[in-house]
N, C-alpha and C. Protein backbone atom coordinates (compact mmCIF):
# COMPACT_ATOMS: atom_id res chain seq x y z
N MET A 1 39.48 -146.50 -126.95
CA MET A 1 40.27 -146.74 -125.74
C MET A 1 40.78 -148.18 -125.74
N THR A 2 42.02 -148.36 -125.37
CA THR A 2 42.60 -149.69 -125.37
C THR A 2 41.99 -150.55 -124.26
N HIS A 3 42.01 -151.85 -124.47
CA HIS A 3 41.43 -152.80 -123.53
C HIS A 3 42.52 -153.49 -122.73
N ALA A 4 42.37 -153.54 -121.42
CA ALA A 4 43.31 -154.23 -120.54
C ALA A 4 42.82 -155.65 -120.29
N SER A 5 43.62 -156.63 -120.67
CA SER A 5 43.24 -158.03 -120.50
C SER A 5 43.24 -158.42 -119.02
N THR A 6 42.44 -159.41 -118.68
CA THR A 6 42.37 -159.89 -117.30
C THR A 6 43.62 -160.69 -116.96
N ALA A 7 43.92 -160.78 -115.68
CA ALA A 7 45.12 -161.48 -115.23
C ALA A 7 45.08 -162.96 -115.60
N ASP A 8 43.89 -163.58 -115.52
CA ASP A 8 43.81 -165.01 -115.84
C ASP A 8 44.10 -165.26 -117.32
N LEU A 9 43.65 -164.37 -118.18
CA LEU A 9 43.98 -164.50 -119.60
C LEU A 9 45.47 -164.29 -119.82
N LEU A 10 46.04 -163.29 -119.17
CA LEU A 10 47.45 -162.97 -119.38
C LEU A 10 48.37 -164.09 -118.92
N VAL A 11 48.04 -164.75 -117.82
CA VAL A 11 48.89 -165.83 -117.32
C VAL A 11 48.91 -166.99 -118.31
N LEU A 12 47.74 -167.41 -118.77
CA LEU A 12 47.69 -168.52 -119.72
C LEU A 12 48.35 -168.12 -121.04
N HIS A 13 48.14 -166.89 -121.46
CA HIS A 13 48.72 -166.42 -122.72
C HIS A 13 50.23 -166.29 -122.61
N ALA A 14 50.72 -165.91 -121.45
CA ALA A 14 52.18 -165.81 -121.26
C ALA A 14 52.83 -167.17 -121.45
N VAL A 15 52.20 -168.22 -120.94
CA VAL A 15 52.74 -169.57 -121.14
C VAL A 15 52.76 -169.90 -122.63
N ARG A 16 51.73 -169.51 -123.33
CA ARG A 16 51.68 -169.75 -124.79
C ARG A 16 52.83 -169.04 -125.50
N LEU A 17 53.04 -167.78 -125.17
CA LEU A 17 54.04 -166.99 -125.87
C LEU A 17 55.46 -167.42 -125.52
N LEU A 18 55.69 -167.78 -124.27
CA LEU A 18 57.04 -168.13 -123.82
C LEU A 18 57.43 -169.56 -124.16
N GLY A 19 56.43 -170.41 -124.40
CA GLY A 19 56.72 -171.79 -124.75
C GLY A 19 56.93 -172.66 -123.54
N VAL A 20 57.98 -172.38 -122.81
CA VAL A 20 58.27 -173.04 -121.53
C VAL A 20 58.75 -171.95 -120.59
N ALA A 21 58.13 -171.85 -119.41
CA ALA A 21 58.48 -170.75 -118.51
C ALA A 21 58.15 -171.10 -117.07
N ASP A 22 58.98 -170.63 -116.15
CA ASP A 22 58.70 -170.85 -114.74
C ASP A 22 57.78 -169.74 -114.21
N ASP A 23 57.47 -169.81 -112.93
CA ASP A 23 56.53 -168.86 -112.33
C ASP A 23 56.98 -167.41 -112.53
N ASP A 24 58.25 -167.14 -112.25
CA ASP A 24 58.75 -165.77 -112.33
C ASP A 24 58.69 -165.23 -113.76
N ALA A 25 59.05 -166.06 -114.73
CA ALA A 25 59.03 -165.61 -116.12
C ALA A 25 57.61 -165.30 -116.57
N VAL A 26 56.66 -166.11 -116.15
CA VAL A 26 55.25 -165.86 -116.49
C VAL A 26 54.79 -164.54 -115.89
N ALA A 27 55.12 -164.30 -114.63
CA ALA A 27 54.72 -163.06 -113.98
C ALA A 27 55.36 -161.85 -114.66
N ARG A 28 56.65 -161.97 -115.02
CA ARG A 28 57.35 -160.84 -115.64
C ARG A 28 56.80 -160.50 -117.02
N ARG A 29 56.31 -161.50 -117.73
CA ARG A 29 55.92 -161.28 -119.13
C ARG A 29 54.92 -160.15 -119.26
N PHE A 30 53.97 -160.06 -118.36
CA PHE A 30 52.99 -158.97 -118.41
C PHE A 30 52.97 -158.16 -117.11
N ALA A 31 54.10 -158.15 -116.39
CA ALA A 31 54.26 -157.36 -115.18
C ALA A 31 53.13 -157.63 -114.18
N LEU A 32 52.89 -158.91 -113.92
CA LEU A 32 51.86 -159.31 -112.97
C LEU A 32 52.45 -159.54 -111.59
N ASP A 33 51.62 -159.43 -110.57
CA ASP A 33 52.05 -159.75 -109.22
C ASP A 33 52.43 -161.23 -109.16
N PRO A 34 53.65 -161.56 -108.71
CA PRO A 34 54.09 -162.96 -108.71
C PRO A 34 53.16 -163.90 -107.95
N ALA A 35 52.60 -163.43 -106.83
CA ALA A 35 51.71 -164.28 -106.05
C ALA A 35 50.42 -164.56 -106.80
N VAL A 36 49.91 -163.55 -107.49
CA VAL A 36 48.70 -163.73 -108.29
C VAL A 36 48.97 -164.68 -109.45
N ALA A 37 50.11 -164.49 -110.11
CA ALA A 37 50.46 -165.36 -111.23
C ALA A 37 50.60 -166.81 -110.77
N LYS A 38 51.25 -167.03 -109.64
CA LYS A 38 51.44 -168.38 -109.12
C LYS A 38 50.09 -169.05 -108.86
N GLU A 39 49.16 -168.33 -108.23
CA GLU A 39 47.85 -168.90 -107.93
C GLU A 39 47.10 -169.26 -109.21
N LEU A 40 47.19 -168.38 -110.21
CA LEU A 40 46.49 -168.64 -111.47
C LEU A 40 47.13 -169.80 -112.23
N LEU A 41 48.45 -169.93 -112.14
CA LEU A 41 49.12 -171.06 -112.77
C LEU A 41 48.66 -172.38 -112.15
N LEU A 42 48.52 -172.41 -110.84
CA LEU A 42 48.04 -173.63 -110.18
C LEU A 42 46.61 -173.94 -110.58
N ASP A 43 45.80 -172.89 -110.75
CA ASP A 43 44.43 -173.10 -111.23
C ASP A 43 44.45 -173.69 -112.65
N ASP A 44 45.30 -173.13 -113.50
CA ASP A 44 45.39 -173.62 -114.88
C ASP A 44 45.87 -175.07 -114.90
N GLN A 45 46.78 -175.41 -114.01
CA GLN A 45 47.24 -176.79 -113.92
C GLN A 45 46.10 -177.72 -113.50
N ALA A 46 45.31 -177.27 -112.54
CA ALA A 46 44.20 -178.09 -112.05
C ALA A 46 43.17 -178.34 -113.16
N PHE A 47 42.99 -177.37 -114.04
CA PHE A 47 42.06 -177.53 -115.16
C PHE A 47 42.66 -178.34 -116.32
N GLY A 48 43.94 -178.66 -116.21
CA GLY A 48 44.57 -179.43 -117.27
C GLY A 48 45.00 -178.59 -118.46
N TRP A 49 45.15 -177.28 -118.25
CA TRP A 49 45.52 -176.40 -119.36
C TRP A 49 47.03 -176.22 -119.49
N ILE A 50 47.76 -176.45 -118.41
CA ILE A 50 49.21 -176.36 -118.46
C ILE A 50 49.80 -177.54 -117.71
N THR A 51 51.06 -177.83 -118.01
CA THR A 51 51.75 -178.91 -117.31
C THR A 51 53.17 -178.48 -117.00
N TRP A 52 53.71 -179.00 -115.90
CA TRP A 52 55.08 -178.67 -115.47
C TRP A 52 56.02 -179.78 -115.91
N ASN A 53 57.10 -179.41 -116.57
CA ASN A 53 58.08 -180.38 -117.02
C ASN A 53 59.47 -179.94 -116.57
N GLU A 54 60.32 -180.91 -116.27
CA GLU A 54 61.69 -180.61 -115.87
C GLU A 54 62.67 -181.43 -116.70
N PHE A 55 63.82 -180.80 -117.00
CA PHE A 55 64.90 -181.49 -117.70
C PHE A 55 66.21 -180.94 -117.18
N ALA A 56 67.08 -181.82 -116.75
CA ALA A 56 68.39 -181.44 -116.24
C ALA A 56 68.28 -180.39 -115.12
N GLY A 57 67.27 -180.56 -114.28
CA GLY A 57 67.11 -179.67 -113.15
C GLY A 57 66.45 -178.33 -113.45
N ILE A 58 66.07 -178.12 -114.71
CA ILE A 58 65.41 -176.87 -115.09
C ILE A 58 63.96 -177.19 -115.47
N GLY A 59 63.03 -176.46 -114.87
CA GLY A 59 61.62 -176.75 -115.10
C GLY A 59 60.85 -175.56 -115.61
N GLY A 60 59.68 -175.84 -116.17
CA GLY A 60 58.84 -174.76 -116.65
C GLY A 60 57.45 -175.26 -117.02
N TRP A 61 56.54 -174.31 -117.12
CA TRP A 61 55.17 -174.59 -117.53
C TRP A 61 55.07 -174.55 -119.05
N SER A 62 54.21 -175.41 -119.60
CA SER A 62 53.90 -175.35 -121.02
C SER A 62 52.42 -175.68 -121.20
N LEU A 63 51.85 -175.22 -122.31
CA LEU A 63 50.44 -175.47 -122.58
C LEU A 63 50.20 -176.92 -122.98
N THR A 64 49.09 -177.46 -122.55
CA THR A 64 48.60 -178.72 -123.09
C THR A 64 47.73 -178.39 -124.31
N ALA A 65 47.29 -179.42 -125.02
CA ALA A 65 46.40 -179.20 -126.17
C ALA A 65 45.11 -178.52 -125.71
N ARG A 66 44.59 -178.94 -124.57
CA ARG A 66 43.38 -178.31 -124.02
C ARG A 66 43.66 -176.86 -123.65
N GLY A 67 44.86 -176.61 -123.12
CA GLY A 67 45.22 -175.24 -122.75
C GLY A 67 45.31 -174.34 -123.96
N ARG A 68 45.85 -174.84 -125.06
CA ARG A 68 45.93 -174.06 -126.29
C ARG A 68 44.53 -173.70 -126.79
N GLU A 69 43.64 -174.67 -126.74
CA GLU A 69 42.25 -174.40 -127.15
C GLU A 69 41.61 -173.35 -126.24
N GLU A 70 41.84 -173.47 -124.93
CA GLU A 70 41.26 -172.51 -124.00
C GLU A 70 41.84 -171.12 -124.20
N ASN A 71 43.15 -171.06 -124.43
CA ASN A 71 43.80 -169.78 -124.70
C ASN A 71 43.18 -169.11 -125.93
N GLU A 72 43.02 -169.84 -127.01
CA GLU A 72 42.47 -169.26 -128.23
C GLU A 72 41.00 -168.90 -128.05
N ARG A 73 40.26 -169.68 -127.25
CA ARG A 73 38.86 -169.34 -126.98
C ARG A 73 38.76 -168.00 -126.26
N ARG A 74 39.62 -167.81 -125.25
CA ARG A 74 39.59 -166.56 -124.48
C ARG A 74 40.03 -165.38 -125.35
N LEU A 75 41.05 -165.58 -126.16
CA LEU A 75 41.53 -164.51 -127.03
C LEU A 75 40.46 -164.10 -128.03
N ALA A 76 39.76 -165.09 -128.59
CA ALA A 76 38.70 -164.79 -129.56
C ALA A 76 37.56 -164.03 -128.89
N ALA A 77 37.20 -164.43 -127.67
CA ALA A 77 36.13 -163.75 -126.95
C ALA A 77 36.52 -162.31 -126.64
N GLU A 78 37.78 -162.11 -126.25
CA GLU A 78 38.26 -160.76 -125.95
C GLU A 78 38.24 -159.90 -127.20
N LEU A 79 38.70 -160.46 -128.32
CA LEU A 79 38.75 -159.70 -129.56
C LEU A 79 37.35 -159.31 -130.02
N GLU A 80 36.39 -160.21 -129.82
CA GLU A 80 35.01 -159.89 -130.17
C GLU A 80 34.46 -158.82 -129.25
N LEU A 81 34.81 -158.89 -127.98
CA LEU A 81 34.34 -157.90 -127.01
C LEU A 81 34.76 -156.49 -127.40
N VAL A 82 35.99 -156.33 -127.85
CA VAL A 82 36.50 -155.00 -128.18
C VAL A 82 36.29 -154.64 -129.64
N GLU A 83 35.66 -155.58 -130.40
CA GLU A 83 35.40 -155.37 -131.82
C GLU A 83 36.70 -154.98 -132.55
N GLY A 84 37.75 -155.75 -132.26
CA GLY A 84 39.07 -155.40 -132.78
C GLY A 84 39.61 -156.31 -133.86
N ALA A 85 38.79 -157.26 -134.34
CA ALA A 85 39.29 -158.24 -135.30
C ALA A 85 39.82 -157.58 -136.57
N HIS A 86 39.10 -156.61 -137.09
CA HIS A 86 39.52 -155.98 -138.34
C HIS A 86 40.87 -155.29 -138.17
N ALA A 87 41.04 -154.57 -137.07
CA ALA A 87 42.29 -153.84 -136.84
C ALA A 87 43.47 -154.80 -136.71
N VAL A 88 43.29 -155.90 -135.99
CA VAL A 88 44.38 -156.85 -135.80
C VAL A 88 44.69 -157.55 -137.12
N ARG A 89 43.68 -157.87 -137.91
CA ARG A 89 43.93 -158.50 -139.21
C ARG A 89 44.70 -157.57 -140.14
N GLU A 90 44.37 -156.30 -140.11
CA GLU A 90 45.08 -155.34 -140.95
C GLU A 90 46.55 -155.25 -140.55
N VAL A 91 46.82 -155.26 -139.27
CA VAL A 91 48.21 -155.24 -138.81
C VAL A 91 48.91 -156.52 -139.24
N TYR A 92 48.22 -157.65 -139.14
CA TYR A 92 48.85 -158.91 -139.52
C TYR A 92 49.19 -158.94 -141.01
N ARG A 93 48.32 -158.39 -141.84
CA ARG A 93 48.62 -158.32 -143.27
C ARG A 93 49.89 -157.49 -143.52
N ALA A 94 50.01 -156.39 -142.80
CA ALA A 94 51.21 -155.54 -142.95
C ALA A 94 52.43 -156.22 -142.35
N PHE A 95 52.23 -157.05 -141.33
CA PHE A 95 53.33 -157.72 -140.65
C PHE A 95 53.96 -158.80 -141.50
N LEU A 96 53.18 -159.51 -142.30
CA LEU A 96 53.68 -160.69 -143.02
C LEU A 96 54.89 -160.40 -143.91
N PRO A 97 54.87 -159.37 -144.77
CA PRO A 97 56.08 -159.11 -145.56
C PRO A 97 57.27 -158.68 -144.71
N LEU A 98 57.01 -158.01 -143.61
CA LEU A 98 58.10 -157.66 -142.69
C LEU A 98 58.67 -158.91 -142.04
N ASN A 99 57.80 -159.86 -141.75
CA ASN A 99 58.26 -161.12 -141.16
C ASN A 99 59.20 -161.86 -142.11
N GLU A 100 58.91 -161.83 -143.40
CA GLU A 100 59.81 -162.45 -144.37
C GLU A 100 61.18 -161.77 -144.34
N ARG A 101 61.18 -160.45 -144.24
CA ARG A 101 62.44 -159.72 -144.18
C ARG A 101 63.22 -160.06 -142.91
N LEU A 102 62.52 -160.20 -141.79
CA LEU A 102 63.19 -160.57 -140.55
C LEU A 102 63.82 -161.95 -140.66
N GLN A 103 63.12 -162.88 -141.26
CA GLN A 103 63.66 -164.23 -141.40
C GLN A 103 64.91 -164.23 -142.28
N ILE A 104 64.87 -163.45 -143.36
CA ILE A 104 66.04 -163.35 -144.24
C ILE A 104 67.21 -162.73 -143.49
N ALA A 105 66.94 -161.68 -142.72
CA ALA A 105 68.00 -161.01 -141.97
C ALA A 105 68.65 -161.96 -140.97
N CYS A 106 67.84 -162.75 -140.26
CA CYS A 106 68.40 -163.68 -139.28
C CYS A 106 69.19 -164.79 -139.97
N THR A 107 68.70 -165.24 -141.14
CA THR A 107 69.46 -166.24 -141.90
C THR A 107 70.80 -165.68 -142.34
N GLN A 108 70.79 -164.43 -142.80
CA GLN A 108 72.05 -163.81 -143.22
C GLN A 108 72.98 -163.55 -142.05
N TRP A 109 72.44 -163.40 -140.87
CA TRP A 109 73.27 -163.26 -139.68
C TRP A 109 73.97 -164.57 -139.35
N GLN A 110 73.30 -165.67 -139.63
CA GLN A 110 73.83 -166.98 -139.30
C GLN A 110 74.71 -167.55 -140.42
N LEU A 111 74.39 -167.20 -141.67
CA LEU A 111 75.10 -167.75 -142.83
C LEU A 111 75.66 -166.64 -143.70
N ARG A 112 76.85 -166.89 -144.25
CA ARG A 112 77.43 -165.97 -145.23
C ARG A 112 77.97 -166.83 -146.39
N PRO A 113 77.16 -166.99 -147.45
CA PRO A 113 77.55 -167.88 -148.55
C PRO A 113 78.88 -167.49 -149.19
N THR A 114 79.60 -168.51 -149.60
CA THR A 114 80.85 -168.32 -150.35
C THR A 114 80.74 -169.10 -151.66
N ASP A 115 81.69 -168.88 -152.55
CA ASP A 115 81.69 -169.62 -153.82
C ASP A 115 81.78 -171.12 -153.58
N ALA A 116 82.51 -171.49 -152.54
CA ALA A 116 82.71 -172.90 -152.25
C ALA A 116 81.57 -173.52 -151.45
N ASP A 117 80.88 -172.69 -150.67
CA ASP A 117 79.83 -173.22 -149.79
C ASP A 117 78.70 -172.20 -149.66
N PRO A 118 77.57 -172.45 -150.34
CA PRO A 118 76.45 -171.51 -150.25
C PRO A 118 75.79 -171.47 -148.88
N HIS A 119 76.13 -172.43 -148.02
CA HIS A 119 75.56 -172.48 -146.67
C HIS A 119 76.64 -172.30 -145.61
N ALA A 120 77.66 -171.56 -145.94
CA ALA A 120 78.78 -171.36 -145.01
C ALA A 120 78.32 -170.58 -143.78
N PHE A 121 78.82 -170.99 -142.63
CA PHE A 121 78.52 -170.31 -141.37
C PHE A 121 79.11 -168.90 -141.38
N ASN A 122 78.36 -167.94 -140.88
CA ASN A 122 78.84 -166.58 -140.79
C ASN A 122 79.75 -166.45 -139.56
N ASP A 123 81.05 -166.31 -139.83
CA ASP A 123 81.99 -166.17 -138.71
C ASP A 123 82.17 -164.71 -138.29
N HIS A 124 81.38 -163.81 -138.90
CA HIS A 124 81.36 -162.38 -138.56
C HIS A 124 82.72 -161.72 -138.79
N SER A 125 83.42 -162.23 -139.77
CA SER A 125 84.70 -161.62 -140.15
C SER A 125 84.55 -160.57 -141.24
N ASP A 126 83.32 -160.39 -141.73
CA ASP A 126 83.03 -159.41 -142.78
C ASP A 126 82.14 -158.32 -142.18
N PRO A 127 82.72 -157.22 -141.71
CA PRO A 127 81.92 -156.17 -141.06
C PRO A 127 80.84 -155.59 -141.98
N ALA A 128 81.12 -155.48 -143.27
CA ALA A 128 80.14 -154.90 -144.19
C ALA A 128 78.90 -155.78 -144.27
N TRP A 129 79.10 -157.10 -144.30
CA TRP A 129 77.97 -158.04 -144.34
C TRP A 129 77.10 -157.87 -143.09
N ASP A 130 77.75 -157.85 -141.94
CA ASP A 130 77.01 -157.72 -140.68
C ASP A 130 76.32 -156.36 -140.58
N ARG A 131 76.96 -155.32 -141.08
CA ARG A 131 76.34 -153.99 -141.01
C ARG A 131 75.05 -153.95 -141.83
N ARG A 132 75.02 -154.65 -142.95
CA ARG A 132 73.80 -154.68 -143.76
C ARG A 132 72.66 -155.37 -143.01
N VAL A 133 73.00 -156.43 -142.28
CA VAL A 133 71.97 -157.11 -141.50
C VAL A 133 71.44 -156.20 -140.39
N VAL A 134 72.34 -155.54 -139.69
CA VAL A 134 71.92 -154.65 -138.60
C VAL A 134 71.11 -153.48 -139.15
N ALA A 135 71.48 -152.98 -140.32
CA ALA A 135 70.71 -151.90 -140.95
C ALA A 135 69.29 -152.37 -141.26
N GLU A 136 69.15 -153.62 -141.69
CA GLU A 136 67.82 -154.17 -141.96
C GLU A 136 67.01 -154.30 -140.67
N LEU A 137 67.64 -154.73 -139.59
CA LEU A 137 66.95 -154.80 -138.30
C LEU A 137 66.50 -153.41 -137.85
N SER A 138 67.32 -152.41 -138.09
CA SER A 138 66.94 -151.04 -137.73
C SER A 138 65.74 -150.58 -138.55
N ALA A 139 65.73 -150.92 -139.83
CA ALA A 139 64.60 -150.56 -140.69
C ALA A 139 63.33 -151.27 -140.22
N LEU A 140 63.46 -152.52 -139.83
CA LEU A 140 62.30 -153.25 -139.33
C LEU A 140 61.78 -152.66 -138.02
N ALA A 141 62.69 -152.16 -137.19
CA ALA A 141 62.26 -151.51 -135.96
C ALA A 141 61.41 -150.28 -136.26
N ASP A 142 61.78 -149.54 -137.31
CA ASP A 142 60.99 -148.37 -137.70
C ASP A 142 59.59 -148.76 -138.14
N HIS A 143 59.48 -149.88 -138.86
CA HIS A 143 58.16 -150.36 -139.29
C HIS A 143 57.35 -150.90 -138.12
N LEU A 144 58.04 -151.50 -137.16
CA LEU A 144 57.35 -152.12 -136.03
C LEU A 144 56.64 -151.08 -135.17
N GLY A 145 57.20 -149.88 -135.08
CA GLY A 145 56.61 -148.86 -134.23
C GLY A 145 55.14 -148.58 -134.52
N PRO A 146 54.79 -148.19 -135.76
CA PRO A 146 53.39 -147.91 -136.06
C PRO A 146 52.48 -149.13 -135.90
N LEU A 147 52.97 -150.32 -136.26
CA LEU A 147 52.15 -151.51 -136.11
C LEU A 147 51.85 -151.78 -134.64
N SER A 148 52.86 -151.63 -133.80
CA SER A 148 52.66 -151.84 -132.37
C SER A 148 51.67 -150.84 -131.79
N GLU A 149 51.75 -149.60 -132.25
CA GLU A 149 50.82 -148.58 -131.77
C GLU A 149 49.39 -148.91 -132.17
N ASP A 150 49.22 -149.40 -133.40
CA ASP A 150 47.87 -149.77 -133.85
C ASP A 150 47.31 -150.93 -133.03
N LEU A 151 48.16 -151.90 -132.72
CA LEU A 151 47.72 -153.03 -131.91
C LEU A 151 47.41 -152.61 -130.48
N ALA A 152 48.29 -151.80 -129.91
CA ALA A 152 48.11 -151.37 -128.52
C ALA A 152 46.88 -150.48 -128.36
N ALA A 153 46.47 -149.83 -129.42
CA ALA A 153 45.25 -149.02 -129.36
C ALA A 153 44.02 -149.89 -129.17
N VAL A 154 44.14 -151.18 -129.53
CA VAL A 154 43.03 -152.12 -129.39
C VAL A 154 43.17 -152.94 -128.12
N LEU A 155 44.36 -153.53 -127.93
CA LEU A 155 44.64 -154.41 -126.80
C LEU A 155 45.94 -153.98 -126.13
N ASP A 156 45.85 -153.64 -124.87
CA ASP A 156 47.01 -153.09 -124.16
C ASP A 156 48.15 -154.09 -124.07
N ARG A 157 47.87 -155.40 -124.11
CA ARG A 157 48.92 -156.40 -123.95
C ARG A 157 49.91 -156.41 -125.11
N PHE A 158 49.61 -155.74 -126.21
CA PHE A 158 50.55 -155.64 -127.33
C PHE A 158 51.55 -154.51 -127.15
N ARG A 159 51.44 -153.75 -126.09
CA ARG A 159 52.21 -152.52 -125.95
C ARG A 159 53.72 -152.74 -125.83
N GLY A 160 54.17 -153.85 -125.32
CA GLY A 160 55.58 -154.01 -124.99
C GLY A 160 56.51 -154.37 -126.13
N TYR A 161 55.98 -154.74 -127.29
CA TYR A 161 56.86 -155.26 -128.35
C TYR A 161 57.83 -154.22 -128.89
N ARG A 162 57.37 -153.03 -129.12
CA ARG A 162 58.26 -152.01 -129.68
C ARG A 162 59.44 -151.71 -128.76
N PRO A 163 59.21 -151.40 -127.47
CA PRO A 163 60.38 -151.11 -126.61
C PRO A 163 61.29 -152.30 -126.43
N ARG A 164 60.75 -153.52 -126.42
CA ARG A 164 61.60 -154.70 -126.27
C ARG A 164 62.49 -154.89 -127.50
N PHE A 165 61.92 -154.73 -128.69
CA PHE A 165 62.72 -154.88 -129.91
C PHE A 165 63.79 -153.78 -129.97
N THR A 166 63.40 -152.57 -129.62
CA THR A 166 64.34 -151.45 -129.63
C THR A 166 65.47 -151.69 -128.63
N ALA A 167 65.15 -152.21 -127.45
CA ALA A 167 66.17 -152.50 -126.45
C ALA A 167 67.14 -153.56 -126.94
N ALA A 168 66.62 -154.59 -127.59
CA ALA A 168 67.50 -155.63 -128.14
C ALA A 168 68.40 -155.05 -129.23
N LEU A 169 67.83 -154.21 -130.09
CA LEU A 169 68.61 -153.60 -131.16
C LEU A 169 69.70 -152.69 -130.59
N ASP A 170 69.41 -152.00 -129.51
CA ASP A 170 70.42 -151.15 -128.87
C ASP A 170 71.62 -151.99 -128.42
N HIS A 171 71.36 -153.19 -127.88
CA HIS A 171 72.45 -154.09 -127.51
C HIS A 171 73.28 -154.47 -128.73
N VAL A 172 72.59 -154.76 -129.84
CA VAL A 172 73.30 -155.14 -131.07
C VAL A 172 74.17 -153.98 -131.55
N LEU A 173 73.61 -152.78 -131.55
CA LEU A 173 74.35 -151.61 -132.02
C LEU A 173 75.55 -151.32 -131.12
N ALA A 174 75.43 -151.75 -129.85
CA ALA A 174 76.55 -151.56 -128.92
C ALA A 174 77.61 -152.65 -129.05
N GLY A 175 77.37 -153.60 -129.96
CA GLY A 175 78.37 -154.63 -130.23
C GLY A 175 78.10 -155.99 -129.61
N ASP A 176 76.97 -156.15 -128.90
CA ASP A 176 76.65 -157.44 -128.30
C ASP A 176 75.79 -158.23 -129.26
N HIS A 177 76.41 -159.07 -130.07
CA HIS A 177 75.72 -159.75 -131.16
C HIS A 177 74.77 -160.84 -130.70
N ALA A 178 74.85 -161.24 -129.44
CA ALA A 178 73.92 -162.25 -128.94
C ALA A 178 72.48 -161.79 -129.04
N TRP A 179 72.29 -160.48 -129.08
CA TRP A 179 70.94 -159.92 -129.06
C TRP A 179 70.29 -159.88 -130.44
N VAL A 180 70.95 -160.43 -131.45
CA VAL A 180 70.29 -160.55 -132.76
C VAL A 180 69.32 -161.71 -132.75
N ASP A 181 69.80 -162.92 -132.38
CA ASP A 181 68.95 -164.09 -132.56
C ASP A 181 69.04 -165.14 -131.47
N ARG A 182 69.74 -164.86 -130.37
CA ARG A 182 69.82 -165.86 -129.30
C ARG A 182 68.45 -166.06 -128.66
N THR A 183 68.19 -167.27 -128.17
CA THR A 183 66.91 -167.56 -127.53
C THR A 183 66.95 -167.43 -126.02
N ASP A 184 68.16 -167.29 -125.44
CA ASP A 184 68.27 -167.20 -123.99
C ASP A 184 68.33 -165.75 -123.50
N VAL A 185 68.17 -164.78 -124.43
CA VAL A 185 68.01 -163.38 -124.07
C VAL A 185 66.82 -162.84 -124.87
N ASP A 186 66.36 -161.66 -124.50
CA ASP A 186 65.21 -161.07 -125.19
C ASP A 186 65.67 -160.41 -126.49
N SER A 187 66.16 -161.25 -127.40
CA SER A 187 66.79 -160.79 -128.64
C SER A 187 65.77 -160.28 -129.64
N CYS A 188 66.26 -159.66 -130.71
CA CYS A 188 65.38 -159.18 -131.79
C CYS A 188 64.53 -160.31 -132.32
N HIS A 189 65.15 -161.44 -132.58
CA HIS A 189 64.41 -162.57 -133.14
C HIS A 189 63.38 -163.10 -132.15
N ARG A 190 63.74 -163.20 -130.88
CA ARG A 190 62.81 -163.72 -129.88
C ARG A 190 61.60 -162.80 -129.73
N VAL A 191 61.83 -161.49 -129.67
CA VAL A 191 60.71 -160.55 -129.56
C VAL A 191 59.81 -160.65 -130.78
N TRP A 192 60.43 -160.72 -131.95
CA TRP A 192 59.65 -160.79 -133.20
C TRP A 192 58.85 -162.09 -133.27
N PHE A 193 59.48 -163.19 -132.85
CA PHE A 193 58.80 -164.49 -132.85
C PHE A 193 57.58 -164.44 -131.93
N GLU A 194 57.73 -163.83 -130.76
CA GLU A 194 56.60 -163.73 -129.83
C GLU A 194 55.47 -162.89 -130.42
N LEU A 195 55.82 -161.80 -131.09
CA LEU A 195 54.79 -160.98 -131.72
C LEU A 195 54.03 -161.79 -132.77
N HIS A 196 54.76 -162.54 -133.57
CA HIS A 196 54.12 -163.38 -134.58
C HIS A 196 53.18 -164.38 -133.91
N GLU A 197 53.65 -165.03 -132.85
CA GLU A 197 52.82 -165.99 -132.13
C GLU A 197 51.60 -165.30 -131.52
N ASP A 198 51.78 -164.10 -131.01
CA ASP A 198 50.68 -163.34 -130.41
C ASP A 198 49.61 -163.02 -131.45
N LEU A 199 50.04 -162.61 -132.62
CA LEU A 199 49.10 -162.27 -133.69
C LEU A 199 48.30 -163.48 -134.14
N ILE A 200 48.98 -164.59 -134.41
CA ILE A 200 48.25 -165.75 -134.92
C ILE A 200 47.37 -166.37 -133.82
N ALA A 201 47.82 -166.30 -132.57
CA ALA A 201 46.98 -166.80 -131.48
C ALA A 201 45.73 -165.94 -131.35
N THR A 202 45.90 -164.63 -131.42
CA THR A 202 44.77 -163.71 -131.28
C THR A 202 43.77 -163.90 -132.40
N LEU A 203 44.27 -164.17 -133.60
CA LEU A 203 43.38 -164.36 -134.75
C LEU A 203 42.96 -165.80 -134.96
N GLY A 204 43.50 -166.71 -134.15
CA GLY A 204 43.14 -168.11 -134.28
C GLY A 204 43.66 -168.76 -135.54
N LEU A 205 44.89 -168.39 -135.95
CA LEU A 205 45.48 -168.89 -137.19
C LEU A 205 46.67 -169.79 -136.91
N PRO A 206 46.91 -170.79 -137.76
CA PRO A 206 48.18 -171.52 -137.68
C PRO A 206 49.27 -170.70 -138.33
N ARG A 207 50.51 -170.95 -137.98
CA ARG A 207 51.62 -170.23 -138.62
C ARG A 207 51.64 -170.53 -140.11
N GLY A 208 51.94 -169.49 -140.90
CA GLY A 208 52.06 -169.65 -142.33
C GLY A 208 50.77 -169.48 -143.10
N VAL A 209 49.67 -169.19 -142.40
CA VAL A 209 48.39 -169.01 -143.08
C VAL A 209 48.01 -167.54 -143.04
N GLU A 210 47.84 -166.92 -144.19
CA GLU A 210 47.46 -165.52 -144.26
C GLU A 210 45.97 -165.39 -144.03
N PRO A 211 45.53 -164.30 -143.37
CA PRO A 211 44.10 -164.10 -143.16
C PRO A 211 43.39 -163.83 -144.47
N ALA A 212 42.17 -164.29 -144.57
CA ALA A 212 41.40 -164.06 -145.81
C ALA A 212 41.00 -162.60 -145.90
């Protein structure tokens, strides 16, 4: 049976995954009651785990170094509680080669090498080139489904990645190219990046380090 994380863990973890986020974004990330999320954010601030920063009139919460440690401590305790470390590690091993493919696809979306410039910007004037990238994203979506199901069978908070990636891909297939890699929408790249961050946070790994 899958395990439902506590609201206090989810609020702190949402800040970790989102990087910088206001109250509403934190609450939406795991469909939490906004009032509950707000109260927990203030508690986290009081403990020194998160801090509020503003730039050009836009503000958001971000983790402090102490908050990152606390987040990983809670995630490790939860994973031990559900005896799910082996299952999550197995998914992460399967995820790593797919992650390389996603990075290549996003690079090819941004760049289209020419004889004169191997780093030429992709102006999307070559439909065949773009179709190959979108086909790769579709293939990755097919792989993501089983991995997400395996993760969600252990921890319920992993459940949203598959529908979010599929929704972003639907936008791309409908012709809205912002949903490939933009950071200001829930794009394919943003969803994938969050999943990667979620996996390494859950396993207590730095990015780029494969599990033993």
